[in-house]
Amino acid sequence: MAEIDVERRGPTIWPWIIGLVVLAVVIWLVAEILGEEPPVVSERVEQVGGPAPPRTADDPVRLVST
């Protein structure tokens, strides 16, 4: 009977790489599901009272409290 030399190879890196990719995808999905929605910001700007008159060097600075 013939003898067959079988050498055991060391562990490969592929299972670790695939496991890390799967773990990253799971973490990303959980973050997407549990994350808060960003607030909706309106791009519309309303101008109240019309345009401001042009200022000159002689105009005093006015502080307006609301």
N, C-alpha and C. Protein backbone atom coordinates (compact mmCIF):
# COMPACT_ATOMS: atom_id res chain seq x y z
N MET A 1 0.84 -1.17 0.00
CA MET A 1 0.00 0.00 0.00
C MET A 1 0.89 1.25 0.00
N ALA A 2 0.49 2.27 -0.74
CA ALA A 2 1.30 3.47 -0.86
C ALA A 2 0.98 4.43 0.27
N GLU A 3 2.03 5.06 0.73
CA GLU A 3 1.83 6.06 1.78
C GLU A 3 1.65 7.44 1.13
N ILE A 4 0.70 8.21 1.63
CA ILE A 4 0.45 9.56 1.13
C ILE A 4 0.81 10.52 2.25
N ASP A 5 1.75 11.39 1.94
CA ASP A 5 2.14 12.39 2.94
C ASP A 5 1.12 13.52 2.93
N VAL A 6 0.46 13.70 4.04
CA VAL A 6 -0.51 14.78 4.17
C VAL A 6 0.04 15.76 5.20
N GLU A 7 0.33 16.96 4.75
CA GLU A 7 0.84 17.98 5.65
C GLU A 7 -0.29 18.93 6.02
N ARG A 8 -0.38 19.19 7.28
CA ARG A 8 -1.41 20.11 7.72
C ARG A 8 -0.90 21.54 7.50
N ARG A 9 -1.70 22.31 6.77
CA ARG A 9 -1.32 23.70 6.53
C ARG A 9 -1.83 24.56 7.67
N GLY A 10 -1.21 25.71 7.85
CA GLY A 10 -1.63 26.64 8.89
C GLY A 10 -2.97 27.26 8.53
N PRO A 11 -3.59 27.89 9.49
CA PRO A 11 -4.91 28.50 9.20
C PRO A 11 -4.78 29.60 8.15
N THR A 12 -5.78 29.70 7.33
CA THR A 12 -5.78 30.73 6.29
C THR A 12 -6.39 32.02 6.86
N ILE A 13 -6.16 33.08 6.18
CA ILE A 13 -6.65 34.39 6.63
C ILE A 13 -8.07 34.68 6.13
N TRP A 14 -8.53 33.96 5.10
CA TRP A 14 -9.82 34.26 4.48
C TRP A 14 -11.01 34.17 5.43
N PRO A 15 -11.09 33.19 6.32
CA PRO A 15 -12.23 33.19 7.25
C PRO A 15 -12.26 34.43 8.15
N TRP A 16 -11.10 34.93 8.54
CA TRP A 16 -11.04 36.14 9.36
C TRP A 16 -11.50 37.37 8.57
N ILE A 17 -11.06 37.46 7.33
CA ILE A 17 -11.46 38.61 6.50
C ILE A 17 -12.96 38.60 6.26
N ILE A 18 -13.51 37.44 5.91
CA ILE A 18 -14.95 37.34 5.67
C ILE A 18 -15.73 37.64 6.95
N GLY A 19 -15.25 37.13 8.07
CA GLY A 19 -15.91 37.40 9.35
C GLY A 19 -15.90 38.87 9.71
N LEU A 20 -14.79 39.56 9.47
CA LEU A 20 -14.73 41.00 9.77
C LEU A 20 -15.64 41.81 8.85
N VAL A 21 -15.73 41.42 7.58
CA VAL A 21 -16.62 42.12 6.65
C VAL A 21 -18.08 41.93 7.07
N VAL A 22 -18.44 40.71 7.44
CA VAL A 22 -19.81 40.44 7.88
C VAL A 22 -20.11 41.22 9.16
N LEU A 23 -19.17 41.26 10.10
CA LEU A 23 -19.36 42.01 11.33
C LEU A 23 -19.53 43.51 11.05
N ALA A 24 -18.74 44.05 10.13
CA ALA A 24 -18.86 45.48 9.79
C ALA A 24 -20.22 45.77 9.17
N VAL A 25 -20.72 44.89 8.32
CA VAL A 25 -22.03 45.09 7.70
C VAL A 25 -23.13 45.03 8.75
N VAL A 26 -23.03 44.10 9.70
CA VAL A 26 -24.04 44.00 10.76
C VAL A 26 -24.03 45.26 11.62
N ILE A 27 -22.86 45.75 11.99
CA ILE A 27 -22.78 46.97 12.80
C ILE A 27 -23.35 48.14 12.04
N TRP A 28 -23.07 48.24 10.74
CA TRP A 28 -23.60 49.35 9.93
C TRP A 28 -25.13 49.28 9.86
N LEU A 29 -25.67 48.08 9.67
CA LEU A 29 -27.13 47.94 9.60
C LEU A 29 -27.79 48.31 10.92
N VAL A 30 -27.22 47.90 12.04
CA VAL A 30 -27.79 48.24 13.34
C VAL A 30 -27.72 49.75 13.55
N ALA A 31 -26.63 50.38 13.16
CA ALA A 31 -26.51 51.83 13.30
C ALA A 31 -27.54 52.55 12.43
N GLU A 32 -27.80 52.05 11.23
CA GLU A 32 -28.80 52.67 10.35
C GLU A 32 -30.20 52.52 10.93
N ILE A 33 -30.49 51.37 11.52
CA ILE A 33 -31.83 51.13 12.05
C ILE A 33 -32.07 51.96 13.31
N LEU A 34 -31.07 52.04 14.18
CA LEU A 34 -31.23 52.72 15.46
C LEU A 34 -30.87 54.21 15.41
N GLY A 35 -30.27 54.67 14.33
CA GLY A 35 -29.83 56.06 14.23
C GLY A 35 -31.00 57.02 14.11
N GLU A 36 -30.75 58.26 14.51
CA GLU A 36 -31.78 59.30 14.41
C GLU A 36 -31.79 59.89 13.01
N GLU A 37 -32.95 60.31 12.61
CA GLU A 37 -33.08 60.98 11.33
C GLU A 37 -32.57 62.42 11.49
N PRO A 38 -31.83 62.92 10.53
CA PRO A 38 -31.36 64.31 10.63
C PRO A 38 -32.54 65.27 10.49
N PRO A 39 -32.47 66.41 11.18
CA PRO A 39 -33.58 67.36 11.07
C PRO A 39 -33.68 67.93 9.66
N VAL A 40 -34.90 68.21 9.25
CA VAL A 40 -35.13 68.77 7.94
C VAL A 40 -34.94 70.27 8.02
N VAL A 41 -34.07 70.79 7.21
CA VAL A 41 -33.78 72.23 7.21
C VAL A 41 -34.39 72.83 5.96
N SER A 42 -35.17 73.87 6.16
CA SER A 42 -35.80 74.53 5.03
C SER A 42 -34.79 75.47 4.38
N GLU A 43 -34.73 75.43 3.08
CA GLU A 43 -33.84 76.31 2.34
C GLU A 43 -34.49 77.65 2.03
N ARG A 44 -35.77 77.77 2.34
CA ARG A 44 -36.48 79.00 2.01
C ARG A 44 -36.20 80.06 3.07
N VAL A 45 -35.86 81.24 2.62
CA VAL A 45 -35.60 82.37 3.52
C VAL A 45 -36.65 83.42 3.27
N GLU A 46 -37.31 83.83 4.34
CA GLU A 46 -38.33 84.87 4.20
C GLU A 46 -37.74 86.20 4.63
N GLN A 47 -38.03 87.22 3.85
CA GLN A 47 -37.56 88.54 4.19
C GLN A 47 -38.75 89.33 4.71
N VAL A 48 -38.59 89.90 5.89
CA VAL A 48 -39.68 90.62 6.53
C VAL A 48 -39.41 92.11 6.44
N GLY A 49 -40.39 92.86 5.99
CA GLY A 49 -40.28 94.31 5.99
C GLY A 49 -39.55 94.90 4.81
N GLY A 50 -39.23 94.14 3.82
CA GLY A 50 -38.57 94.68 2.65
C GLY A 50 -37.07 94.80 2.86
N PRO A 51 -36.38 95.25 1.83
CA PRO A 51 -34.92 95.35 1.94
C PRO A 51 -34.51 96.49 2.87
N ALA A 52 -33.38 96.32 3.51
CA ALA A 52 -32.85 97.35 4.40
C ALA A 52 -32.27 98.49 3.56
N PRO A 53 -32.42 99.71 4.03
CA PRO A 53 -31.84 100.84 3.28
C PRO A 53 -30.32 100.76 3.33
N PRO A 54 -29.68 101.29 2.32
CA PRO A 54 -28.21 101.25 2.32
C PRO A 54 -27.65 102.10 3.46
N ARG A 55 -26.56 101.64 4.02
CA ARG A 55 -25.94 102.36 5.14
C ARG A 55 -24.86 103.29 4.61
N THR A 56 -24.68 104.39 5.30
CA THR A 56 -23.60 105.33 4.96
C THR A 56 -22.66 105.42 6.15
N ALA A 57 -21.56 106.09 5.96
CA ALA A 57 -20.57 106.21 7.03
C ALA A 57 -21.10 107.05 8.19
N ASP A 58 -22.09 107.90 7.95
CA ASP A 58 -22.61 108.79 8.99
C ASP A 58 -23.69 108.11 9.84
N ASP A 59 -24.19 106.95 9.44
CA ASP A 59 -25.24 106.28 10.20
C ASP A 59 -24.69 105.74 11.52
N PRO A 60 -25.40 106.01 12.60
CA PRO A 60 -24.98 105.41 13.88
C PRO A 60 -25.35 103.93 13.89
N VAL A 61 -24.67 103.18 14.69
CA VAL A 61 -24.98 101.77 14.82
C VAL A 61 -26.20 101.65 15.73
N ARG A 62 -27.22 100.98 15.25
CA ARG A 62 -28.45 100.81 16.02
C ARG A 62 -28.53 99.39 16.52
N LEU A 63 -28.77 99.26 17.82
CA LEU A 63 -28.98 97.94 18.39
C LEU A 63 -30.49 97.76 18.53
N VAL A 64 -31.01 96.72 17.94
CA VAL A 64 -32.44 96.45 17.97
C VAL A 64 -32.64 95.19 18.78
N SER A 65 -33.46 95.30 19.80
CA SER A 65 -33.76 94.11 20.59
C SER A 65 -35.13 93.59 20.17
N THR A 66 -35.26 92.31 20.19
CA THR A 66 -36.54 91.73 19.77
C THR A 66 -37.24 91.12 20.96
